[in-house]
Amino acid sequence: MFPPVPLTPGETVFLPLFAPHRVINDGGVSVSINVGFHTRESRRRRSVHLVNLEMRRLGLRPAPFNLRPAVDSVKQRMSLAIRAKNKFFRSLRPEVTV
């Protein structure tokens, strides 16, 4: 977890991708903007997480992301088929609880 960062007008803060964060405003006017972009690594991570979610739905216990890179490569290739299934067969999408 990162320590609180008080900002003054004109300052910004960078948060790494997937880093948990919270914005607390004081009494004044405040504008928060979130700009996200994906790298090859973040797209790879997203693909593996999608396949892991589907595997858990089937009662399996998949290896976490980046534990087995060769297996992650296979999962990444599987993700396209899973995304197509989720797009065309919405009733088969796994439920995501947060």
PDB file of N, CA and C in Angstrom:
ATOM      1  N   MET A   1       0.842  -1.184   0.000  1.00  0.00           N
ATOM      2  CA  MET A   1       0.000   0.000   0.000  1.00  0.00           C
ATOM      3  C   MET A   1       0.879   1.236   0.000  1.00  0.00           C
ATOM      4  N   PHE A   2       0.411   2.254  -0.666  1.00  0.00           N
ATOM      5  CA  PHE A   2       1.173   3.488  -0.759  1.00  0.00           C
ATOM      6  C   PHE A   2       0.711   4.479   0.305  1.00  0.00           C
ATOM      7  N   PRO A   3       1.619   5.339   0.767  1.00  0.00           N
ATOM      8  CA  PRO A   3       1.222   6.343   1.762  1.00  0.00           C
ATOM      9  C   PRO A   3       0.360   7.423   1.110  1.00  0.00           C
ATOM     10  N   PRO A   4      -0.440   8.137   1.905  1.00  0.00           N
ATOM     11  CA  PRO A   4      -1.249   9.235   1.355  1.00  0.00           C
ATOM     12  C   PRO A   4      -0.356  10.302   0.711  1.00  0.00           C
ATOM     13  N   VAL A   5      -0.857  10.888  -0.365  1.00  0.00           N
ATOM     14  CA  VAL A   5      -0.112  11.928  -1.075  1.00  0.00           C
ATOM     15  C   VAL A   5      -1.005  13.162  -1.181  1.00  0.00           C
ATOM     16  N   PRO A   6      -0.787  14.157  -0.326  1.00  0.00           N
ATOM     17  CA  PRO A   6      -1.576  15.386  -0.469  1.00  0.00           C
ATOM     18  C   PRO A   6      -1.061  16.184  -1.673  1.00  0.00           C
ATOM     19  N   LEU A   7      -1.977  16.640  -2.521  1.00  0.00           N
ATOM     20  CA  LEU A   7      -1.599  17.367  -3.729  1.00  0.00           C
ATOM     21  C   LEU A   7      -2.087  18.808  -3.659  1.00  0.00           C
ATOM     22  N   THR A   8      -1.321  19.688  -4.255  1.00  0.00           N
ATOM     23  CA  THR A   8      -1.738  21.083  -4.386  1.00  0.00           C
ATOM     24  C   THR A   8      -2.126  21.304  -5.846  1.00  0.00           C
ATOM     25  N   PRO A   9      -2.835  22.403  -6.155  1.00  0.00           N
ATOM     26  CA  PRO A   9      -3.258  22.637  -7.544  1.00  0.00           C
ATOM     27  C   PRO A   9      -2.084  22.537  -8.523  1.00  0.00           C
ATOM     28  N   GLY A  10      -2.305  21.824  -9.618  1.00  0.00           N
ATOM     29  CA  GLY A  10      -1.294  21.671 -10.651  1.00  0.00           C
ATOM     30  C   GLY A  10      -0.425  20.438 -10.486  1.00  0.00           C
ATOM     31  N   GLU A  11      -0.499  19.747  -9.362  1.00  0.00           N
ATOM     32  CA  GLU A  11       0.309  18.545  -9.143  1.00  0.00           C
ATOM     33  C   GLU A  11      -0.454  17.305  -9.590  1.00  0.00           C
ATOM     34  N   THR A  12       0.307  16.269  -9.918  1.00  0.00           N
ATOM     35  CA  THR A  12      -0.293  15.004 -10.319  1.00  0.00           C
ATOM     36  C   THR A  12       0.394  13.872  -9.566  1.00  0.00           C
ATOM     37  N   VAL A  13      -0.194  12.690  -9.635  1.00  0.00           N
ATOM     38  CA  VAL A  13       0.407  11.518  -9.021  1.00  0.00           C
ATOM     39  C   VAL A  13       0.254  10.348  -9.998  1.00  0.00           C
ATOM     40  N   PHE A  14       1.280   9.524 -10.102  1.00  0.00           N
ATOM     41  CA  PHE A  14       1.250   8.334 -10.946  1.00  0.00           C
ATOM     42  C   PHE A  14       0.985   7.122 -10.068  1.00  0.00           C
ATOM     43  N   LEU A  15       0.050   6.293 -10.479  1.00  0.00           N
ATOM     44  CA  LEU A  15      -0.225   5.034  -9.793  1.00  0.00           C
ATOM     45  C   LEU A  15       0.001   3.898 -10.777  1.00  0.00           C
ATOM     46  N   PRO A  16       0.754   2.886 -10.385  1.00  0.00           N
ATOM     47  CA  PRO A  16       0.973   1.743 -11.281  1.00  0.00           C
ATOM     48  C   PRO A  16      -0.340   1.052 -11.620  1.00  0.00           C
ATOM     49  N   LEU A  17      -0.362   0.398 -12.771  1.00  0.00           N
ATOM     50  CA  LEU A  17      -1.535  -0.332 -13.216  1.00  0.00           C
ATOM     51  C   LEU A  17      -1.942  -1.364 -12.170  1.00  0.00           C
ATOM     52  N   PHE A  18      -3.222  -1.443 -11.890  1.00  0.00           N
ATOM     53  CA  PHE A  18      -3.821  -2.359 -10.916  1.00  0.00           C
ATOM     54  C   PHE A  18      -3.512  -1.990  -9.466  1.00  0.00           C
ATOM     55  N   ALA A  19      -2.889  -0.845  -9.217  1.00  0.00           N
ATOM     56  CA  ALA A  19      -2.609  -0.441  -7.836  1.00  0.00           C
ATOM     57  C   ALA A  19      -3.901   0.040  -7.185  1.00  0.00           C
ATOM     58  N   PRO A  20      -4.227  -0.467  -6.015  1.00  0.00           N
ATOM     59  CA  PRO A  20      -5.425   0.030  -5.337  1.00  0.00           C
ATOM     60  C   PRO A  20      -5.199   1.483  -4.920  1.00  0.00           C
ATOM     61  N   HIS A  21      -6.245   2.275  -4.999  1.00  0.00           N
ATOM     62  CA  HIS A  21      -6.112   3.671  -4.606  1.00  0.00           C
ATOM     63  C   HIS A  21      -7.467   4.232  -4.207  1.00  0.00           C
ATOM     64  N   ARG A  22      -7.422   5.376  -3.537  1.00  0.00           N
ATOM     65  CA  ARG A  22      -8.632   6.058  -3.103  1.00  0.00           C
ATOM     66  C   ARG A  22      -8.357   7.552  -3.156  1.00  0.00           C
ATOM     67  N   VAL A  23      -9.337   8.312  -3.591  1.00  0.00           N
ATOM     68  CA  VAL A  23      -9.207   9.763  -3.656  1.00  0.00           C
ATOM     69  C   VAL A  23     -10.102  10.363  -2.579  1.00  0.00           C
ATOM     70  N   ILE A  24      -9.511  11.202  -1.747  1.00  0.00           N
ATOM     71  CA  ILE A  24     -10.270  11.899  -0.704  1.00  0.00           C
ATOM     72  C   ILE A  24     -10.150  13.392  -0.982  1.00  0.00           C
ATOM     73  N   ASN A  25     -11.271  14.053  -1.159  1.00  0.00           N
ATOM     74  CA  ASN A  25     -11.280  15.487  -1.438  1.00  0.00           C
ATOM     75  C   ASN A  25     -11.459  16.280  -0.154  1.00  0.00           C
ATOM     76  N   ASP A  26     -10.830  17.442  -0.126  1.00  0.00           N
ATOM     77  CA  ASP A  26     -11.072  18.336   1.005  1.00  0.00           C
ATOM     78  C   ASP A  26     -12.313  19.161   0.677  1.00  0.00           C
ATOM     79  N   GLY A  27     -12.508  20.269   1.351  1.00  0.00           N
ATOM     80  CA  GLY A  27     -13.718  21.071   1.165  1.00  0.00           C
ATOM     81  C   GLY A  27     -13.775  21.836  -0.141  1.00  0.00           C
ATOM     82  N   GLY A  28     -12.666  21.983  -0.870  1.00  0.00           N
ATOM     83  CA  GLY A  28     -12.652  22.774  -2.091  1.00  0.00           C
ATOM     84  C   GLY A  28     -13.097  22.004  -3.314  1.00  0.00           C
ATOM     85  N   VAL A  29     -13.089  22.704  -4.451  1.00  0.00           N
ATOM     86  CA  VAL A  29     -13.431  22.079  -5.728  1.00  0.00           C
ATOM     87  C   VAL A  29     -12.276  21.168  -6.140  1.00  0.00           C
ATOM     88  N   SER A  30     -12.615  19.990  -6.640  1.00  0.00           N
ATOM     89  CA  SER A  30     -11.584  19.039  -7.009  1.00  0.00           C
ATOM     90  C   SER A  30     -11.969  18.332  -8.301  1.00  0.00           C
ATOM     91  N   VAL A  31     -10.982  18.116  -9.163  1.00  0.00           N
ATOM     92  CA  VAL A  31     -11.197  17.376 -10.399  1.00  0.00           C
ATOM     93  C   VAL A  31     -10.198  16.232 -10.426  1.00  0.00           C
ATOM     94  N   SER A  32     -10.693  15.001 -10.606  1.00  0.00           N
ATOM     95  CA  SER A  32      -9.825  13.835 -10.705  1.00  0.00           C
ATOM     96  C   SER A  32      -9.981  13.247 -12.097  1.00  0.00           C
ATOM     97  N   ILE A  33      -8.879  12.943 -12.735  1.00  0.00           N
ATOM     98  CA  ILE A  33      -8.901  12.346 -14.065  1.00  0.00           C
ATOM     99  C   ILE A  33      -8.080  11.069 -14.021  1.00  0.00           C
ATOM    100  N   ASN A  34      -8.642  10.022 -14.583  1.00  0.00           N
ATOM    101  CA  ASN A  34      -7.949   8.748 -14.648  1.00  0.00           C
ATOM    102  C   ASN A  34      -7.690   8.431 -16.113  1.00  0.00           C
ATOM    103  N   VAL A  35      -6.443   8.332 -16.497  1.00  0.00           N
ATOM    104  CA  VAL A  35      -6.083   7.992 -17.866  1.00  0.00           C
ATOM    105  C   VAL A  35      -5.373   6.645 -17.832  1.00  0.00           C
ATOM    106  N   GLY A  36      -5.953   5.678 -18.478  1.00  0.00           N
ATOM    107  CA  GLY A  36      -5.348   4.347 -18.481  1.00  0.00           C
ATOM    108  C   GLY A  36      -4.929   3.944 -19.881  1.00  0.00           C
ATOM    109  N   PHE A  37      -3.920   3.132 -19.954  1.00  0.00           N
ATOM    110  CA  PHE A  37      -3.498   2.569 -21.228  1.00  0.00           C
ATOM    111  C   PHE A  37      -2.962   1.178 -20.965  1.00  0.00           C
ATOM    112  N   HIS A  38      -2.961   0.369 -22.001  1.00  0.00           N
ATOM    113  CA  HIS A  38      -2.506  -1.007 -21.841  1.00  0.00           C
ATOM    114  C   HIS A  38      -1.196  -1.236 -22.577  1.00  0.00           C
ATOM    115  N   THR A  39      -0.335  -1.969 -21.929  1.00  0.00           N
ATOM    116  CA  THR A  39       0.920  -2.398 -22.527  1.00  0.00           C
ATOM    117  C   THR A  39       0.755  -3.864 -22.944  1.00  0.00           C
ATOM    118  N   ARG A  40       1.746  -4.424 -23.612  1.00  0.00           N
ATOM    119  CA  ARG A  40       1.682  -5.855 -23.949  1.00  0.00           C
ATOM    120  C   ARG A  40       1.526  -6.694 -22.677  1.00  0.00           C
ATOM    121  N   GLU A  41       2.267  -6.314 -21.653  1.00  0.00           N
ATOM    122  CA  GLU A  41       2.217  -7.069 -20.393  1.00  0.00           C
ATOM    123  C   GLU A  41       0.839  -6.974 -19.736  1.00  0.00           C
ATOM    124  N   SER A  42       0.237  -5.790 -19.731  1.00  0.00           N
ATOM    125  CA  SER A  42      -1.080  -5.655 -19.097  1.00  0.00           C
ATOM    126  C   SER A  42      -2.156  -6.401 -19.890  1.00  0.00           C
ATOM    127  N   ARG A  43      -2.050  -6.417 -21.218  1.00  0.00           N
ATOM    128  CA  ARG A  43      -3.001  -7.200 -22.031  1.00  0.00           C
ATOM    129  C   ARG A  43      -2.809  -8.695 -21.777  1.00  0.00           C
ATOM    130  N   ARG A  44      -1.562  -9.110 -21.627  1.00  0.00           N
ATOM    131  CA  ARG A  44      -1.274 -10.520 -21.319  1.00  0.00           C
ATOM    132  C   ARG A  44      -1.876 -10.900 -19.967  1.00  0.00           C
ATOM    133  N   ARG A  45      -1.681 -10.034 -18.985  1.00  0.00           N
ATOM    134  CA  ARG A  45      -2.229 -10.279 -17.648  1.00  0.00           C
ATOM    135  C   ARG A  45      -3.751 -10.386 -17.699  1.00  0.00           C
ATOM    136  N   ARG A  46      -4.388  -9.466 -18.428  1.00  0.00           N
ATOM    137  CA  ARG A  46      -5.849  -9.478 -18.536  1.00  0.00           C
ATOM    138  C   ARG A  46      -6.331 -10.784 -19.169  1.00  0.00           C
ATOM    139  N   SER A  47      -5.645 -11.238 -20.221  1.00  0.00           N
ATOM    140  CA  SER A  47      -6.035 -12.483 -20.894  1.00  0.00           C
ATOM    141  C   SER A  47      -5.926 -13.678 -19.954  1.00  0.00           C
ATOM    142  N   VAL A  48      -4.826 -13.752 -19.209  1.00  0.00           N
ATOM    143  CA  VAL A  48      -4.627 -14.874 -18.283  1.00  0.00           C
ATOM    144  C   VAL A  48      -5.669 -14.831 -17.166  1.00  0.00           C
ATOM    145  N   HIS A  49      -5.971 -13.645 -16.651  1.00  0.00           N
ATOM    146  CA  HIS A  49      -6.992 -13.536 -15.600  1.00  0.00           C
ATOM    147  C   HIS A  49      -8.362 -13.981 -16.117  1.00  0.00           C
ATOM    148  N   LEU A  50      -8.676 -13.654 -17.365  1.00  0.00           N
ATOM    149  CA  LEU A  50      -9.948 -14.074 -17.947  1.00  0.00           C
ATOM    150  C   LEU A  50     -10.040 -15.598 -18.008  1.00  0.00           C
ATOM    151  N   VAL A  51      -8.979 -16.232 -18.468  1.00  0.00           N
ATOM    152  CA  VAL A  51      -8.980 -17.700 -18.549  1.00  0.00           C
ATOM    153  C   VAL A  51      -9.040 -18.307 -17.143  1.00  0.00           C
ATOM    154  N   ASN A  52      -8.297 -17.726 -16.211  1.00  0.00           N
ATOM    155  CA  ASN A  52      -8.342 -18.229 -14.829  1.00  0.00           C
ATOM    156  C   ASN A  52      -9.756 -18.145 -14.255  1.00  0.00           C
ATOM    157  N   LEU A  53     -10.469 -17.050 -14.546  1.00  0.00           N
ATOM    158  CA  LEU A  53     -11.843 -16.906 -14.073  1.00  0.00           C
ATOM    159  C   LEU A  53     -12.722 -18.018 -14.635  1.00  0.00           C
ATOM    160  N   GLU A  54     -12.593 -18.284 -15.923  1.00  0.00           N
ATOM    161  CA  GLU A  54     -13.372 -19.355 -16.550  1.00  0.00           C
ATOM    162  C   GLU A  54     -13.020 -20.709 -15.948  1.00  0.00           C
ATOM    163  N   MET A  55     -11.741 -20.940 -15.689  1.00  0.00           N
ATOM    164  CA  MET A  55     -11.316 -22.222 -15.109  1.00  0.00           C
ATOM    165  C   MET A  55     -11.883 -22.394 -13.699  1.00  0.00           C
ATOM    166  N   ARG A  56     -11.882 -21.316 -12.916  1.00  0.00           N
ATOM    167  CA  ARG A  56     -12.460 -21.397 -11.559  1.00  0.00           C
ATOM    168  C   ARG A  56     -13.949 -21.703 -11.621  1.00  0.00           C
ATOM    169  N   ARG A  57     -14.604 -21.141 -12.618  1.00  0.00           N
ATOM    170  CA  ARG A  57     -16.040 -21.387 -12.788  1.00  0.00           C
ATOM    171  C   ARG A  57     -16.310 -22.872 -13.034  1.00  0.00           C
ATOM    172  N   LEU A  58     -15.351 -23.552 -13.646  1.00  0.00           N
ATOM    173  CA  LEU A  58     -15.486 -24.993 -13.902  1.00  0.00           C
ATOM    174  C   LEU A  58     -15.033 -25.842 -12.720  1.00  0.00           C
ATOM    175  N   GLY A  59     -14.657 -25.186 -11.622  1.00  0.00           N
ATOM    176  CA  GLY A  59     -14.235 -25.917 -10.430  1.00  0.00           C
ATOM    177  C   GLY A  59     -12.757 -26.242 -10.399  1.00  0.00           C
ATOM    178  N   LEU A  60     -11.982 -25.695 -11.342  1.00  0.00           N
ATOM    179  CA  LEU A  60     -10.541 -25.946 -11.378  1.00  0.00           C
ATOM    180  C   LEU A  60      -9.805 -24.909 -10.532  1.00  0.00           C
ATOM    181  N   ARG A  61      -8.555 -25.190 -10.255  1.00  0.00           N
ATOM    182  CA  ARG A  61      -7.725 -24.255  -9.486  1.00  0.00           C
ATOM    183  C   ARG A  61      -6.508 -23.866 -10.338  1.00  0.00           C
ATOM    184  N   PRO A  62      -6.667 -22.833 -11.182  1.00  0.00           N
ATOM    185  CA  PRO A  62      -5.577 -22.466 -12.096  1.00  0.00           C
ATOM    186  C   PRO A  62      -4.408 -21.812 -11.371  1.00  0.00           C
ATOM    187  N   ALA A  63      -3.244 -21.932 -11.970  1.00  0.00           N
ATOM    188  CA  ALA A  63      -2.045 -21.283 -11.424  1.00  0.00           C
ATOM    189  C   ALA A  63      -2.203 -19.770 -11.570  1.00  0.00           C
ATOM    190  N   PRO A  64      -1.783 -19.007 -10.561  1.00  0.00           N
ATOM    191  CA  PRO A  64      -1.858 -17.546 -10.658  1.00  0.00           C
ATOM    192  C   PRO A  64      -1.008 -17.015 -11.809  1.00  0.00           C
ATOM    193  N   PHE A  65      -1.328 -15.818 -12.241  1.00  0.00           N
ATOM    194  CA  PHE A  65      -0.593 -15.160 -13.321  1.00  0.00           C
ATOM    195  C   PHE A  65       0.891 -15.073 -12.970  1.00  0.00           C
ATOM    196  N   ASN A  66       1.716 -15.359 -13.948  1.00  0.00           N
ATOM    197  CA  ASN A  66       3.173 -15.227 -13.883  1.00  0.00           C
ATOM    198  C   ASN A  66       3.879 -16.295 -13.044  1.00  0.00           C
ATOM    199  N   LEU A  67       3.133 -17.278 -12.546  1.00  0.00           N
ATOM    200  CA  LEU A  67       3.777 -18.356 -11.812  1.00  0.00           C
ATOM    201  C   LEU A  67       4.406 -19.355 -12.788  1.00  0.00           C
ATOM    202  N   ARG A  68       3.705 -19.622 -13.878  1.00  0.00           N
ATOM    203  CA  ARG A  68       4.190 -20.543 -14.910  1.00  0.00           C
ATOM    204  C   ARG A  68       4.044 -19.867 -16.282  1.00  0.00           C
ATOM    205  N   PRO A  69       5.081 -19.175 -16.743  1.00  0.00           N
ATOM    206  CA  PRO A  69       4.996 -18.419 -18.001  1.00  0.00           C
ATOM    207  C   PRO A  69       4.567 -19.250 -19.216  1.00  0.00           C
ATOM    208  N   ALA A  70       5.000 -20.500 -19.307  1.00  0.00           N
ATOM    209  CA  ALA A  70       4.604 -21.331 -20.457  1.00  0.00           C
ATOM    210  C   ALA A  70       3.100 -21.604 -20.434  1.00  0.00           C
ATOM    211  N   VAL A  71       2.566 -21.858 -19.263  1.00  0.00           N
ATOM    212  CA  VAL A  71       1.121 -22.091 -19.128  1.00  0.00           C
ATOM    213  C   VAL A  71       0.368 -20.791 -19.419  1.00  0.00           C
ATOM    214  N   ASP A  72       0.906 -19.667 -18.971  1.00  0.00           N
ATOM    215  CA  ASP A  72       0.288 -18.371 -19.252  1.00  0.00           C
ATOM    216  C   ASP A  72       0.208 -18.119 -20.758  1.00  0.00           C
ATOM    217  N   SER A  73       1.201 -18.581 -21.502  1.00  0.00           N
ATOM    218  CA  SER A  73       1.201 -18.422 -22.958  1.00  0.00           C
ATOM    219  C   SER A  73       0.025 -19.167 -23.578  1.00  0.00           C
ATOM    220  N   VAL A  74      -0.229 -20.360 -23.109  1.00  0.00           N
ATOM    221  CA  VAL A  74      -1.362 -21.145 -23.608  1.00  0.00           C
ATOM    222  C   VAL A  74      -2.672 -20.459 -23.221  1.00  0.00           C
ATOM    223  N   LYS A  75      -2.760 -19.984 -21.996  1.00  0.00           N
ATOM    224  CA  LYS A  75      -3.968 -19.299 -21.530  1.00  0.00           C
ATOM    225  C   LYS A  75      -4.230 -18.052 -22.363  1.00  0.00           C
ATOM    226  N   GLN A  76      -3.173 -17.341 -22.698  1.00  0.00           N
ATOM    227  CA  GLN A  76      -3.320 -16.123 -23.487  1.00  0.00           C
ATOM    228  C   GLN A  76      -3.945 -16.449 -24.843  1.00  0.00           C
ATOM    229  N   ARG A  77      -3.531 -17.551 -25.442  1.00  0.00           N
ATOM    230  CA  ARG A  77      -4.093 -17.948 -26.728  1.00  0.00           C
ATOM    231  C   ARG A  77      -5.539 -18.418 -26.586  1.00  0.00           C
ATOM    232  N   MET A  78      -5.882 -18.989 -25.446  1.00  0.00           N
ATOM    233  CA  MET A  78      -7.248 -19.457 -25.196  1.00  0.00           C
ATOM    234  C   MET A  78      -8.218 -18.294 -24.993  1.00  0.00           C
ATOM    235  N   SER A  79      -7.707 -17.167 -24.571  1.00  0.00           N
ATOM    236  CA  SER A  79      -8.583 -16.051 -24.189  1.00  0.00           C
ATOM    237  C   SER A  79      -9.425 -15.538 -25.353  1.00  0.00           C
ATOM    238  N   LEU A  80      -8.924 -15.604 -26.584  1.00  0.00           N
ATOM    239  CA  LEU A  80      -9.701 -15.130 -27.728  1.00  0.00           C
ATOM    240  C   LEU A  80     -10.985 -15.944 -27.886  1.00  0.00           C
ATOM    241  N   ALA A  81     -10.873 -17.259 -27.749  1.00  0.00           N
ATOM    242  CA  ALA A  81     -12.056 -18.119 -27.849  1.00  0.00           C
ATOM    243  C   ALA A  81     -13.034 -17.839 -26.708  1.00  0.00           C
ATOM    244  N   ILE A  82     -12.515 -17.610 -25.532  1.00  0.00           N
ATOM    245  CA  ILE A  82     -13.375 -17.334 -24.374  1.00  0.00           C
ATOM    246  C   ILE A  82     -14.076 -15.995 -24.547  1.00  0.00           C
ATOM    247  N   ARG A  83     -13.356 -14.999 -25.051  1.00  0.00           N
ATOM    248  CA  ARG A  83     -13.983 -13.695 -25.277  1.00  0.00           C
ATOM    249  C   ARG A  83     -15.099 -13.812 -26.314  1.00  0.00           C
ATOM    250  N   ALA A  84     -14.886 -14.616 -27.364  1.00  0.00           N
ATOM    251  CA  ALA A  84     -15.924 -14.823 -28.375  1.00  0.00           C
ATOM    252  C   ALA A  84     -17.140 -15.519 -27.749  1.00  0.00           C
ATOM    253  N   LYS A  85     -16.885 -16.531 -26.934  1.00  0.00           N
ATOM    254  CA  LYS A  85     -17.989 -17.226 -26.245  1.00  0.00           C
ATOM    255  C   LYS A  85     -18.783 -16.250 -25.392  1.00  0.00           C
ATOM    256  N   ASN A  86     -18.088 -15.405 -24.645  1.00  0.00           N
ATOM    257  CA  ASN A  86     -18.769 -14.453 -23.768  1.00  0.00           C
ATOM    258  C   ASN A  86     -19.550 -13.398 -24.546  1.00  0.00           C
ATOM    259  N   LYS A  87     -19.070 -13.062 -25.737  1.00  0.00           N
ATOM    260  CA  LYS A  87     -19.765 -12.065 -26.555  1.00  0.00           C
ATOM    261  C   LYS A  87     -21.043 -12.643 -27.165  1.00  0.00           C
ATOM    262  N   PHE A  88     -20.956 -13.856 -27.694  1.00  0.00           N
ATOM    263  CA  PHE A  88     -22.091 -14.428 -28.412  1.00  0.00           C
ATOM    264  C   PHE A  88     -23.040 -15.237 -27.530  1.00  0.00           C
ATOM    265  N   PHE A  89     -22.574 -15.698 -26.388  1.00  0.00           N
ATOM    266  CA  PHE A  89     -23.410 -16.482 -25.477  1.00  0.00           C
ATOM    267  C   PHE A  89     -23.367 -15.835 -24.097  1.00  0.00           C
ATOM    268  N   ARG A  90     -24.037 -14.716 -23.983  1.00  0.00           N
ATOM    269  CA  ARG A  90     -23.990 -13.920 -22.746  1.00  0.00           C
ATOM    270  C   ARG A  90     -24.436 -14.718 -21.511  1.00  0.00           C
ATOM    271  N   SER A  91     -25.332 -15.660 -21.706  1.00  0.00           N
ATOM    272  CA  SER A  91     -25.820 -16.438 -20.559  1.00  0.00           C
ATOM    273  C   SER A  91     -24.736 -17.354 -19.990  1.00  0.00           C
ATOM    274  N   LEU A  92     -23.666 -17.586 -20.746  1.00  0.00           N
ATOM    275  CA  LEU A  92     -22.583 -18.448 -20.275  1.00  0.00           C
ATOM    276  C   LEU A  92     -21.435 -17.668 -19.647  1.00  0.00           C
ATOM    277  N   ARG A  93     -21.580 -16.358 -19.547  1.00  0.00           N
ATOM    278  CA  ARG A  93     -20.530 -15.556 -18.928  1.00  0.00           C
ATOM    279  C   ARG A  93     -20.427 -15.875 -17.442  1.00  0.00           C
ATOM    280  N   PRO A  94     -19.218 -15.909 -16.912  1.00  0.00           N
ATOM    281  CA  PRO A  94     -19.092 -16.131 -15.466  1.00  0.00           C
ATOM    282  C   PRO A  94     -19.501 -14.874 -14.706  1.00  0.00           C
ATOM    283  N   GLU A  95     -20.064 -15.072 -13.531  1.00  0.00           N
ATOM    284  CA  GLU A  95     -20.416 -13.928 -12.683  1.00  0.00           C
ATOM    285  C   GLU A  95     -19.168 -13.463 -11.968  1.00  0.00           C
ATOM    286  N   VAL A  96     -18.982 -12.167 -11.910  1.00  0.00           N
ATOM    287  CA  VAL A  96     -17.823 -11.586 -11.247  1.00  0.00           C
ATOM    288  C   VAL A  96     -18.320 -10.887  -9.990  1.00  0.00           C
ATOM    289  N   THR A  97     -17.812 -11.325  -8.844  1.00  0.00           N
ATOM    290  CA  THR A  97     -18.163 -10.667  -7.583  1.00  0.00           C
ATOM    291  C   THR A  97     -16.974  -9.889  -7.094  1.00  0.00           C
ATOM    292  N   VAL A  98     -17.229  -8.698  -6.642  1.00  0.00           N
ATOM    293  CA  VAL A  98     -16.141  -7.829  -6.179  1.00  0.00           C
ATOM    294  C   VAL A  98     -16.236  -7.658  -4.682  1.00  0.00           C
TER     295      VAL A  98
END
